[in-house]
Every structure is written in structure tokens, then in C-alpha cells.
Amino acid sequence: MFAAPDGLTFEAESRIGRAQVVRRWRLDNGLGVIVVVDKTAPIVSYQTWYRVGSRHEEVGKTGLAHLFEHLMFAQTETLAPGEFDRVVERTGGESNAATWVDWTQYRLSLPAADLPLAVRLESERMSRLLLTAETVEPERDVVTNERRERVEDDVDGWLDEQLMSTAFEVHPYRWPTIGWMADIRAVGLDDIRAFYRSWYAPNNATLVVVGDVDEQQLLGLVRDAYGGLRPAALPAATAAVEPPQAGERVKRARRPIATDRVLCGWKVVGQGHPDWAPLELLTTLLAGSPSSRLHRRLVIERELASTVDVQLTPFRDPSLLRIAVTTARGHRAEESLTEIDLVIADLAERGPDEAEVQKAKNLTETDFWSALVDADGKAEALGHHETALGDFRTLNQLAERLAAVTAADLKRVVRQYLVPRTRTVIVAEPEPETEDGDEDGDEEGEEVGEAEGEGQGS
């Protein structure tokens, strides 16, 4: 391996599977740099990961992390409004961004020959973003409209928001990544600028670069562009711990839909925990294929539902295992919930057979490795593990953990985590119709029932 350029320190090395080498370097100002040289095609994925997401916000100022996902494309000291995207598009490349509970990431996919441009653009907006009323207010309007479309006028978005705000009472995961509407509208320019100064700094970021690059040349470019940026005094890490849930929480509301929709979640572990791998396999066993247990029972055999989906949200802190059901016409949510309970009880008592476990492993491992085929997929996986879990090397460890799961592991996690007292259930029901067939014009009515008292809503 070559000698590191001045101002950079080599920190760690691993591989993606058995092939490509992954190295992590660090600038003196704290900026992390993860590099994978991939000569498969003359392209590069250049991603910037910031260790800030909705969990780093505070009550009354939610939605800031997501707002910056938009503001970062607006205007810098040298780039006019909209120029960032236009410059990238002229190369034939693409730019995008995403906000999550634990991170915010910005990604460029462009020809390898344009790597110097990527370095210049991203270093520019890390430190020289213009935040004025003229740049902020148009993006604020975009975000409020996005919230209306994705949450307030979308049943699935509403269900997801209600599940998180009802299941979590203390942890910042309880508010939506997009933020509450009142906060989006009210947050002031001073708070927006303070957020940028606090979190958008080299010591709170990691560059993940995958593609047809010369590693030594890349590091030199990064040092020259970012080395002069000053680190920030980062805010203290969030220490909120969600208390154990003592009883099932149920929330119902009427929505403009044709049949009941159900979203339920159980509190489980974060992605870095050893039990994450068996829980991930459990989601595939329950609803990962037409022959999986819940799909077979609810959709094929009983015809109670038109769709069923199970997901495990990849959070750093304790997360939720979710089951989503759209009921078939003529059937209600309670019928599906009863069958879900029976399927889970059977797994808890008898566990899965070896053929089921092997099929779940095959499907899960195929999905895992398929996501790492292209440069963007590799960069995204490495960036998530580095930012949310603290070390990109946990990516390979997860693959090993998935391969090692046994039928006994699956039975144990079902018994340990999928118990009624830790379940939160959100049910959206069709709005009633008037006698002439028109929908009742009344506003939705929410009904909350919990074994342990009042719940939280939006």
C-alpha cells in the first residue's frame, strides 16, 4: 500500500465479501474517507454521510435534518440557485440525497473522469452554503407540500407516522423524519444556521467513494479540498432510553380507504445487536415469498388480506419489527390480527423447520449481496454501517451473522420479542357512508386504547 498523503491517516481495512478491498482514512480535521477501487466500469459513486438525522433534533425543532436535504441543493457562495444539479447533469451524472433517523447522506453518481468536480462540489456545500430568507423559504414550501402528499394525504405515510409516535414515548424516533408541520413552518433562520454550524462539519462526516479511481490521487484531491475546513464542537449525543412497554397500544382512525389497513410493530433491538440477524431472517420467513407463513395464511388460505408485508427497520437504537396488512373486501382488521397471533404462537411453540430456515437464508442472503452489486449499492451500505453503527466493517459481520442463524435462534427471538405487551397496533378504517352512499363529511375521529394509559399522536 502507498504512503498516505500529508494530513491523512490510515485507520482500517476490510473487504466486501472475498473480493474488493475497503480502506478507511481520516483527515487531521476528523473527516473520514472510505475508498473502494472498483474498475468494473468508468464511473464513480461519491457519497457524503453526515452523522445527523431526525434523532438529533429536539422538541419544537423537528424536521431540520430533512429540510437540509433540500437546502444543500439551493445555493452556495460560488453556485447559483439550481446550479449544483445543472453542473452534475452536464456530465451525464445524477445527484440525490436521503434523510433517515440516524443520518443524512448526499450522493453523486458520475463518470470517473469527473471525480475532481464531485470533490469540489461537495466540499463547497459542506462549508459555504448560503442560508438566507431567499434560499430557505422556497425550500420550506417544498417540504410542507411534501409532508401533505406523503403523510397527510397518504394512508401508508399516516400509518407509519402514527406507529412511531405511539410506540415511542421518550426516544426521538417518536417524531417523523420529515418533521411535524407546525415545526417546519415555525423554525427560524437563526436555528437553521445554528443547525448547519453544529452538524455540517468535517469531523461529523464520512466520504464514501466507490468506483474507477486512483486511491492516492483521490486522497490528494480530498486533502486539498477539505483539509482547510475547521472541525465543529459537536453537540452531545442523544442519550434517551425508551422505557419498557407494559401493555399493548392500539390506535384507530377513519381514513378515505376502501378496506381496513393495519400496521403493527414490536420493539426489538438495534441493527448492531446479535439478535438483529435472526430477526431479519424472521421477516423473510413470515412474508418474504408467496409460500411464507403470513402470506400463505392471510392471502392464499384464508383470503383475509390482499397484501401482507413484514419489515425490520435498520435503526441504530432499538427498533421495530413491523407487519403491514391491507385487508380484503368484506373482512376486518381483527380477523387478520387474530391470524397473525396464531402464526406467531405456532412459531413460538414449535419453531420453524430446517427447510423453512434454509429458504429464508437463501432469500435474505441473495437480497443482501444483490444490494452490493453496483457502486452506488456498495457506497450506500458502507456509509450506513459506518455512520449508524460506527464501523463499516460491521457490513461483513452482518453477512456472517445471517449465515450462522439456526432454527433455535428464530424460535427464541419470536418468544422473546413478539409478545403482546410490546405490540403497538394502528388501524385505519374506511370512512362511513351516508344513507345515499356518499361519504360522511365529518372529520376523522381517532380512538386510542392502551393497557397503560393515553398514547401520543400527531
Protein backbone atom coordinates (compact mmCIF):
# COMPACT_ATOMS: atom_id res chain seq x y z
CA MET A 1 0.00 0.00 0.00
CA PHE A 2 1.19 3.53 -0.79
CA ALA A 3 2.21 6.08 1.81
CA ALA A 4 -0.65 8.32 2.98
CA PRO A 5 -0.54 11.93 1.78
CA ASP A 6 0.28 14.52 4.43
CA GLY A 7 -2.73 15.32 6.59
CA LEU A 8 -4.27 11.83 6.23
CA THR A 9 -4.02 8.78 8.47
CA PHE A 10 -4.82 5.19 7.51
CA GLU A 11 -7.26 3.61 10.01
CA ALA A 12 -8.80 0.33 8.86
CA GLU A 13 -9.07 -2.20 6.04
CA SER A 14 -11.56 -4.92 5.20
CA ARG A 15 -13.22 -6.48 2.16
CA ILE A 16 -16.65 -6.66 0.62
CA GLY A 17 -17.15 -10.40 0.51
CA ARG A 18 -13.99 -12.09 -0.70
CA ALA A 19 -13.05 -9.52 -3.32
CA GLN A 20 -12.81 -5.76 -3.16
CA VAL A 21 -10.66 -4.06 -0.57
CA VAL A 22 -12.22 -1.31 1.56
CA ARG A 23 -9.97 1.19 3.35
CA ARG A 24 -10.78 3.97 5.77
CA TRP A 25 -8.61 7.06 6.06
CA ARG A 26 -9.01 10.18 8.19
CA LEU A 27 -8.01 13.80 7.71
CA ASP A 28 -6.48 15.73 10.59
CA ASN A 29 -9.74 17.70 10.93
CA GLY A 30 -11.72 14.49 11.54
CA LEU A 31 -13.22 13.84 8.09
CA GLY A 32 -13.48 10.10 7.37
CA VAL A 33 -12.76 8.77 3.87
CA ILE A 34 -13.78 5.24 2.83
CA VAL A 35 -12.47 4.07 -0.53
CA VAL A 36 -13.26 1.05 -2.71
CA VAL A 37 -11.39 0.87 -6.01
CA ASP A 38 -13.73 -0.82 -8.50
CA LYS A 39 -12.56 -0.88 -12.14
CA THR A 40 -15.67 -2.66 -13.42
CA ALA A 41 -16.91 0.48 -15.20
CA PRO A 42 -15.56 4.03 -15.66
CA ILE A 43 -17.96 5.53 -13.10
CA VAL A 44 -17.73 6.68 -9.51
CA SER A 45 -20.20 6.88 -6.65
CA TYR A 46 -19.25 9.78 -4.38
CA GLN A 47 -21.33 9.90 -1.22
CA THR A 48 -21.14 12.20 1.80
CA TRP A 49 -22.61 10.85 5.03
CA TYR A 50 -23.33 13.15 7.98
CA ARG A 51 -23.98 11.75 11.44
CA VAL A 52 -27.17 13.73 11.84
CA GLY A 53 -30.76 12.66 11.36
CA SER A 54 -34.13 13.26 12.96
CA ARG A 55 -32.94 11.64 16.22
CA HIS A 56 -30.52 14.55 16.69
CA GLU A 57 -33.30 17.14 16.68
CA GLU A 58 -35.26 18.44 19.66
CA VAL A 59 -38.88 19.02 20.55
CA GLY A 60 -40.24 22.04 18.71
CA LYS A 61 -37.49 21.94 16.08
CA THR A 62 -38.23 18.70 14.24
CA GLY A 63 -37.66 18.33 10.50
CA LEU A 64 -34.40 20.29 10.35
CA ALA A 65 -32.31 17.35 9.14
CA HIS A 66 -34.75 16.73 6.30
CA LEU A 67 -35.02 20.43 5.46
CA PHE A 68 -31.25 20.48 4.91
CA GLU A 69 -31.58 17.64 2.43
CA HIS A 70 -33.30 20.28 0.28
CA LEU A 71 -31.28 23.33 1.29
CA MET A 72 -27.99 21.69 0.32
CA PHE A 73 -29.05 21.84 -3.35
CA ALA A 74 -30.06 25.50 -3.21
CA GLN A 75 -27.16 27.98 -3.32
CA THR A 76 -23.56 28.26 -2.16
CA GLU A 77 -21.06 31.09 -2.27
CA THR A 78 -20.00 30.12 -5.81
CA LEU A 79 -23.02 28.19 -7.13
CA ALA A 80 -26.23 29.99 -8.11
CA PRO A 81 -29.62 28.51 -7.18
CA GLY A 82 -30.13 25.25 -9.09
CA GLU A 83 -26.59 25.29 -10.48
CA PHE A 84 -25.45 22.28 -8.45
CA ASP A 85 -27.81 19.93 -10.26
CA ARG A 86 -27.19 21.52 -13.64
CA VAL A 87 -23.43 21.06 -13.32
CA VAL A 88 -23.83 17.39 -12.41
CA GLU A 89 -26.36 16.75 -15.19
CA ARG A 90 -23.99 18.18 -17.79
CA THR A 91 -21.59 15.33 -17.01
CA GLY A 92 -24.34 12.78 -17.57
CA GLY A 93 -24.37 12.10 -13.85
CA GLU A 94 -27.03 12.18 -11.16
CA SER A 95 -27.35 13.75 -7.73
CA ASN A 96 -29.68 12.85 -4.89
CA ALA A 97 -29.97 12.78 -1.12
CA ALA A 98 -31.77 10.99 1.70
CA THR A 99 -32.54 11.66 5.36
CA TRP A 100 -33.07 8.98 7.98
CA VAL A 101 -33.39 8.82 11.74
CA ASP A 102 -29.64 8.30 12.24
CA TRP A 103 -28.03 10.03 9.25
CA THR A 104 -28.28 12.30 6.22
CA GLN A 105 -26.48 11.35 3.01
CA TYR A 106 -25.77 13.09 -0.29
CA ARG A 107 -24.80 11.08 -3.34
CA LEU A 108 -23.30 11.83 -6.73
CA SER A 109 -23.05 9.22 -9.48
CA LEU A 110 -20.94 10.44 -12.39
CA PRO A 111 -18.21 9.49 -14.87
CA ALA A 112 -14.90 8.68 -13.19
CA ALA A 113 -13.20 11.45 -15.17
CA ASP A 114 -15.35 13.97 -13.30
CA LEU A 115 -14.17 12.92 -9.83
CA PRO A 116 -12.44 16.31 -9.24
CA LEU A 117 -15.78 18.01 -9.88
CA ALA A 118 -17.50 15.84 -7.25
CA VAL A 119 -14.84 16.71 -4.70
CA ARG A 120 -15.18 20.42 -5.43
CA LEU A 121 -18.98 20.45 -5.31
CA GLU A 122 -19.32 18.52 -2.06
CA SER A 123 -16.57 20.38 -0.21
CA GLU A 124 -18.19 23.65 -1.31
CA ARG A 125 -21.58 22.91 0.18
CA MET A 126 -20.14 21.39 3.36
CA SER A 127 -18.78 24.79 4.37
CA ARG A 128 -20.10 27.55 2.09
CA LEU A 129 -23.86 27.07 1.92
CA LEU A 130 -25.85 30.31 1.73
CA LEU A 131 -28.71 30.38 4.22
CA THR A 132 -30.87 33.44 3.67
CA ALA A 133 -34.61 34.02 3.59
CA GLU A 134 -34.39 33.92 -0.21
CA THR A 135 -32.85 30.43 -0.20
CA VAL A 136 -34.73 28.98 2.78
CA GLU A 137 -38.36 29.95 2.19
CA PRO A 138 -38.83 28.25 -1.22
CA GLU A 139 -37.46 25.02 0.21
CA ARG A 140 -39.65 25.33 3.30
CA ASP A 141 -42.65 25.47 0.95
CA VAL A 142 -41.41 22.39 -0.90
CA VAL A 143 -41.13 20.45 2.37
CA THR A 144 -44.59 21.44 3.65
CA ASN A 145 -46.08 20.29 0.34
CA GLU A 146 -44.09 17.07 0.54
CA ARG A 147 -45.47 16.43 4.02
CA ARG A 148 -49.04 16.92 2.80
CA GLU A 149 -48.52 14.49 -0.08
CA ARG A 150 -46.53 11.82 1.75
CA VAL A 151 -48.22 11.85 5.15
CA GLU A 152 -51.42 13.83 5.49
CA ASP A 153 -52.87 12.73 2.13
CA ASP A 154 -51.26 9.28 2.07
CA VAL A 155 -52.63 6.49 4.25
CA ASP A 156 -49.39 4.50 4.36
CA GLY A 157 -47.42 7.58 5.39
CA TRP A 158 -50.01 8.38 8.06
CA LEU A 159 -49.91 4.81 9.41
CA ASP A 160 -46.12 4.87 9.65
CA GLU A 161 -46.11 8.22 11.46
CA GLN A 162 -48.77 7.09 13.92
CA LEU A 163 -46.95 3.83 14.65
CA MET A 164 -43.71 5.60 15.57
CA SER A 165 -45.37 8.33 17.62
CA THR A 166 -47.47 5.79 19.52
CA ALA A 167 -44.81 3.10 20.06
CA PHE A 168 -42.10 5.52 21.25
CA GLU A 169 -42.82 7.88 24.15
CA VAL A 170 -39.32 9.14 25.06
CA HIS A 171 -36.86 8.39 22.27
CA PRO A 172 -36.51 10.90 19.38
CA TYR A 173 -37.61 8.15 17.00
CA ARG A 174 -41.12 9.18 18.07
CA TRP A 175 -41.25 12.15 15.70
CA PRO A 176 -41.20 11.79 11.90
CA THR A 177 -38.07 12.35 9.84
CA ILE A 178 -39.92 14.93 7.76
CA GLY A 179 -40.88 16.76 10.98
CA TRP A 180 -44.18 17.98 12.40
CA MET A 181 -45.90 20.54 10.18
CA ALA A 182 -46.00 23.23 12.90
CA ASP A 183 -42.24 22.91 13.42
CA ILE A 184 -41.43 23.06 9.70
CA ARG A 185 -43.42 26.27 9.38
CA ALA A 186 -42.09 27.90 12.56
CA VAL A 187 -38.36 27.15 12.62
CA GLY A 188 -36.41 30.38 12.29
CA LEU A 189 -33.40 31.31 10.22
CA ASP A 190 -31.15 31.54 13.28
CA ASP A 191 -31.99 27.94 14.25
CA ILE A 192 -31.38 26.78 10.68
CA ARG A 193 -27.96 28.43 10.60
CA ALA A 194 -27.08 27.02 14.02
CA PHE A 195 -28.00 23.52 12.84
CA TYR A 196 -25.68 23.89 9.85
CA ARG A 197 -22.78 25.12 12.01
CA SER A 198 -23.32 22.30 14.52
CA TRP A 199 -23.60 19.29 12.24
CA TYR A 200 -22.22 20.09 8.78
CA ALA A 201 -18.56 19.84 9.64
CA PRO A 202 -15.71 17.55 8.54
CA ASN A 203 -15.49 15.81 11.93
CA ASN A 204 -19.16 14.81 11.62
CA ALA A 205 -18.90 13.41 8.09
CA THR A 206 -17.58 10.46 6.11
CA LEU A 207 -16.91 10.40 2.38
CA VAL A 208 -17.59 7.03 0.76
CA VAL A 209 -16.09 6.74 -2.71
CA VAL A 210 -16.58 3.61 -4.82
CA GLY A 211 -15.55 3.27 -8.43
CA ASP A 212 -12.84 3.63 -11.04
CA VAL A 213 -10.48 5.86 -9.06
CA ASP A 214 -6.79 6.08 -8.28
CA GLU A 215 -6.85 5.93 -4.49
CA GLN A 216 -3.76 8.03 -3.92
CA GLN A 217 -4.95 10.70 -6.35
CA LEU A 218 -8.39 10.73 -4.70
CA LEU A 219 -6.88 11.24 -1.24
CA GLY A 220 -4.79 14.12 -2.54
CA LEU A 221 -7.89 15.79 -4.00
CA VAL A 222 -9.79 15.30 -0.75
CA ARG A 223 -6.94 16.69 1.34
CA ASP A 224 -6.65 19.78 -0.82
CA ALA A 225 -10.40 20.47 -0.88
CA TYR A 226 -11.37 19.57 2.69
CA GLY A 227 -8.16 19.82 4.69
CA GLY A 228 -8.58 23.51 5.44
CA LEU A 229 -12.11 23.13 6.87
CA ARG A 230 -12.35 23.56 10.61
CA PRO A 231 -13.96 20.90 12.81
CA ALA A 232 -17.02 21.82 14.85
CA ALA A 233 -17.80 21.40 18.54
CA LEU A 234 -20.38 18.65 18.07
CA PRO A 235 -23.48 18.57 20.29
CA ALA A 236 -23.66 15.86 22.92
CA ALA A 237 -25.02 12.52 21.73
CA THR A 238 -28.68 11.75 22.39
CA ALA A 239 -28.95 9.58 25.49
CA ALA A 240 -32.73 8.99 25.60
CA VAL A 241 -33.63 5.42 26.51
CA GLU A 242 -37.14 4.21 25.72
CA PRO A 243 -38.72 2.58 28.81
CA PRO A 244 -40.13 -0.96 28.50
CA GLN A 245 -43.66 -1.11 27.14
CA ALA A 246 -46.00 -2.57 29.74
CA GLY A 247 -49.04 -3.24 27.56
CA GLU A 248 -50.34 -3.35 24.03
CA ARG A 249 -51.19 0.04 22.49
CA VAL A 250 -53.96 0.29 19.90
CA LYS A 251 -55.00 3.30 17.86
CA ARG A 252 -57.81 3.50 15.30
CA ALA A 253 -58.92 6.21 12.91
CA ARG A 254 -61.09 6.61 9.85
CA ARG A 255 -59.36 7.34 6.57
CA PRO A 256 -60.51 7.61 2.91
CA ILE A 257 -59.83 3.96 2.02
CA ALA A 258 -61.85 1.00 0.75
CA THR A 259 -60.81 -1.62 3.33
CA ASP A 260 -59.06 -1.75 6.68
CA ARG A 261 -55.31 -1.31 6.81
CA VAL A 262 -53.26 -2.50 9.75
CA LEU A 263 -49.73 -1.61 10.80
CA CYS A 264 -48.36 -3.20 13.95
CA GLY A 265 -44.92 -3.13 15.46
CA TRP A 266 -42.96 -4.81 18.23
CA LYS A 267 -39.99 -3.18 19.90
CA VAL A 268 -36.84 -5.12 19.08
CA VAL A 269 -33.09 -4.47 19.05
CA GLY A 270 -30.95 -2.10 17.01
CA GLN A 271 -29.07 -3.26 13.95
CA GLY A 272 -25.78 -3.78 15.78
CA HIS A 273 -27.25 -6.27 18.26
CA PRO A 274 -26.58 -10.02 17.79
CA ASP A 275 -30.33 -10.72 17.60
CA TRP A 276 -30.72 -8.49 14.54
CA ALA A 277 -29.72 -11.28 12.15
CA PRO A 278 -32.33 -13.85 13.31
CA LEU A 279 -34.97 -11.11 13.39
CA GLU A 280 -34.08 -10.15 9.81
CA LEU A 281 -34.44 -13.78 8.74
CA LEU A 282 -37.74 -13.93 10.62
CA THR A 283 -39.19 -11.16 8.42
CA THR A 284 -38.40 -13.25 5.34
CA LEU A 285 -39.83 -16.39 6.90
CA LEU A 286 -43.07 -14.54 7.72
CA ALA A 287 -43.65 -12.63 4.47
CA GLY A 288 -40.66 -12.85 2.16
CA SER A 289 -42.23 -15.07 -0.52
CA PRO A 290 -45.64 -16.41 -1.63
CA SER A 291 -45.03 -19.54 0.46
CA SER A 292 -44.05 -17.64 3.62
CA ARG A 293 -46.18 -18.19 6.69
CA LEU A 294 -48.18 -14.97 6.90
CA HIS A 295 -48.65 -14.55 3.15
CA ARG A 296 -49.83 -18.14 2.82
CA ARG A 297 -52.23 -17.87 5.79
CA LEU A 298 -53.71 -14.41 5.22
CA VAL A 299 -53.67 -14.05 1.42
CA ILE A 300 -53.86 -17.56 -0.01
CA GLU A 301 -55.58 -19.84 2.51
CA ARG A 302 -57.98 -17.53 4.39
CA GLU A 303 -58.24 -14.76 1.76
CA LEU A 304 -58.46 -12.20 4.55
CA ALA A 305 -55.90 -9.83 3.06
CA SER A 306 -54.77 -8.60 -0.34
CA THR A 307 -51.23 -7.79 0.83
CA VAL A 308 -49.02 -8.51 3.81
CA ASP A 309 -45.52 -7.19 4.39
CA VAL A 310 -43.01 -7.56 7.24
CA GLN A 311 -40.04 -5.24 7.77
CA LEU A 312 -37.29 -4.71 10.29
CA THR A 313 -36.29 -1.04 10.38
CA PRO A 314 -32.47 -0.63 10.36
CA PHE A 315 -32.07 1.79 13.27
CA ARG A 316 -29.02 2.26 15.46
CA ASP A 317 -31.09 2.18 18.64
CA PRO A 318 -33.86 -0.30 19.46
CA SER A 319 -36.16 -0.54 16.50
CA LEU A 320 -39.49 -2.03 15.42
CA LEU A 321 -40.40 -5.23 13.62
CA ARG A 322 -43.45 -4.24 11.58
CA ILE A 323 -46.28 -6.16 9.97
CA ALA A 324 -48.45 -4.29 7.45
CA VAL A 325 -51.74 -5.72 6.16
CA THR A 326 -54.28 -4.48 3.65
CA THR A 327 -57.47 -6.43 4.28
CA ALA A 328 -59.58 -7.92 1.53
CA ARG A 329 -63.07 -6.58 0.87
CA GLY A 330 -65.61 -7.88 3.35
CA HIS A 331 -63.02 -8.53 6.06
CA ARG A 332 -61.90 -6.52 9.07
CA ALA A 333 -58.61 -5.84 10.78
CA GLU A 334 -59.43 -8.06 13.77
CA GLU A 335 -59.56 -11.17 11.59
CA SER A 336 -56.04 -10.58 10.29
CA LEU A 337 -54.72 -9.73 13.75
CA THR A 338 -56.14 -12.98 15.09
CA GLU A 339 -54.41 -14.99 12.37
CA ILE A 340 -51.14 -13.11 12.92
CA ASP A 341 -51.31 -14.06 16.61
CA LEU A 342 -51.89 -17.72 15.71
CA VAL A 343 -48.94 -17.81 13.29
CA ILE A 344 -46.64 -16.20 15.86
CA ALA A 345 -47.85 -18.51 18.64
CA ASP A 346 -47.14 -21.56 16.48
CA LEU A 347 -43.61 -20.33 15.71
CA ALA A 348 -43.02 -19.63 19.40
CA GLU A 349 -44.15 -23.11 20.40
CA ARG A 350 -42.72 -25.30 17.66
CA GLY A 351 -40.26 -23.09 15.78
CA PRO A 352 -39.60 -23.31 12.04
CA ASP A 353 -38.40 -26.44 10.28
CA GLU A 354 -34.96 -26.62 8.69
CA ALA A 355 -36.29 -26.27 5.14
CA GLU A 356 -38.01 -23.01 6.07
CA VAL A 357 -34.85 -21.68 7.67
CA GLN A 358 -32.71 -22.54 4.68
CA LYS A 359 -35.16 -20.92 2.26
CA ALA A 360 -35.26 -17.77 4.39
CA LYS A 361 -31.46 -17.71 4.44
CA ASN A 362 -31.24 -18.13 0.68
CA LEU A 363 -33.68 -15.28 0.06
CA THR A 364 -32.17 -12.95 2.67
CA GLU A 365 -28.58 -13.54 1.65
CA THR A 366 -29.47 -13.10 -2.03
CA ASP A 367 -31.06 -9.72 -1.26
CA PHE A 368 -28.05 -8.76 0.89
CA TRP A 369 -25.45 -9.45 -1.78
CA SER A 370 -27.59 -8.17 -4.66
CA ALA A 371 -27.67 -4.75 -2.99
CA LEU A 372 -23.85 -4.67 -3.23
CA VAL A 373 -23.53 -5.35 -6.95
CA ASP A 374 -23.11 -1.78 -8.21
CA ALA A 375 -21.02 1.15 -6.98
CA ASP A 376 -23.97 3.04 -5.50
CA GLY A 377 -25.13 0.00 -3.58
CA LYS A 378 -21.69 -0.65 -2.11
CA ALA A 379 -21.27 3.00 -1.10
CA GLU A 380 -24.71 3.16 0.48
CA ALA A 381 -24.22 0.01 2.54
CA LEU A 382 -20.75 1.03 3.71
CA GLY A 383 -21.94 4.55 4.53
CA HIS A 384 -24.90 3.31 6.56
CA HIS A 385 -22.80 0.89 8.62
CA GLU A 386 -20.05 3.45 9.21
CA THR A 387 -22.47 6.22 10.17
CA ALA A 388 -25.25 4.44 12.03
CA LEU A 389 -23.23 1.60 13.61
CA GLY A 390 -19.84 3.26 13.90
CA ASP A 391 -17.74 0.99 11.67
CA PHE A 392 -18.09 -0.05 8.02
CA ARG A 393 -16.69 -3.47 8.92
CA THR A 394 -20.00 -4.43 10.55
CA LEU A 395 -21.29 -4.91 6.99
CA ASN A 396 -19.29 -8.11 6.53
CA GLN A 397 -20.06 -9.15 10.09
CA LEU A 398 -23.79 -8.95 9.33
CA ALA A 399 -23.35 -11.31 6.39
CA GLU A 400 -21.58 -13.79 8.67
CA ARG A 401 -24.28 -13.45 11.34
CA LEU A 402 -27.05 -14.13 8.82
CA ALA A 403 -25.32 -17.29 7.64
CA ALA A 404 -24.98 -18.56 11.22
CA VAL A 405 -28.66 -18.27 12.26
CA THR A 406 -30.33 -21.51 13.35
CA ALA A 407 -33.94 -22.65 13.78
CA ALA A 408 -33.44 -22.42 17.52
CA ASP A 409 -32.37 -18.78 17.16
CA LEU A 410 -35.56 -17.98 15.27
CA LYS A 411 -37.78 -19.69 17.83
CA ARG A 412 -36.02 -17.84 20.64
CA VAL A 413 -36.40 -14.35 19.14
CA VAL A 414 -40.09 -14.97 18.42
CA ARG A 415 -40.65 -15.92 22.07
CA GLN A 416 -38.52 -13.05 23.36
CA TYR A 417 -39.70 -10.13 21.22
CA LEU A 418 -43.07 -10.85 19.55
CA VAL A 419 -45.17 -10.74 22.70
CA PRO A 420 -48.50 -8.88 23.05
CA ARG A 421 -47.39 -6.43 25.74
CA THR A 422 -44.77 -4.89 23.45
CA ARG A 423 -47.02 -4.57 20.42
CA THR A 424 -48.40 -1.32 19.04
CA VAL A 425 -51.27 -1.54 16.55
CA ILE A 426 -52.50 1.21 14.23
CA VAL A 427 -55.72 0.54 12.30
CA ALA A 428 -57.07 2.72 9.50
CA GLU A 429 -60.74 2.06 8.82
CA PRO A 430 -62.91 3.21 5.89
CA GLU A 431 -64.92 6.34 6.47
CA PRO A 432 -68.64 5.64 6.99
CA GLU A 433 -71.06 6.31 4.17
CA THR A 434 -74.32 8.26 4.40
CA GLU A 435 -77.59 6.58 3.54
CA ASP A 436 -77.40 7.79 -0.08
CA GLY A 437 -73.93 6.25 -0.47
CA ASP A 438 -71.88 9.43 -0.11
CA GLU A 439 -69.07 9.51 2.36
CA ASP A 440 -69.82 11.22 5.65
CA GLY A 441 -68.28 14.67 5.59
CA ASP A 442 -67.22 14.61 9.25
CA GLU A 443 -63.58 14.92 10.12
CA GLU A 444 -61.78 11.76 11.08
CA GLY A 445 -62.23 10.55 14.64
CA GLU A 446 -59.33 8.88 16.40
CA GLU A 447 -59.80 6.27 19.06
CA VAL A 448 -56.93 5.17 21.24
CA GLY A 449 -56.94 2.22 23.60
CA GLU A 450 -53.94 1.22 25.68
CA ALA A 451 -53.26 -1.03 28.57
CA GLU A 452 -51.06 1.64 30.10
CA GLY A 453 -52.86 4.93 29.50
CA GLU A 454 -53.00 7.68 26.93
CA GLY A 455 -50.86 7.45 23.84
CA GLN A 456 -49.24 10.00 21.60
CA GLY A 457 -50.49 11.14 18.25
CA SER A 458 -49.62 13.85 15.85
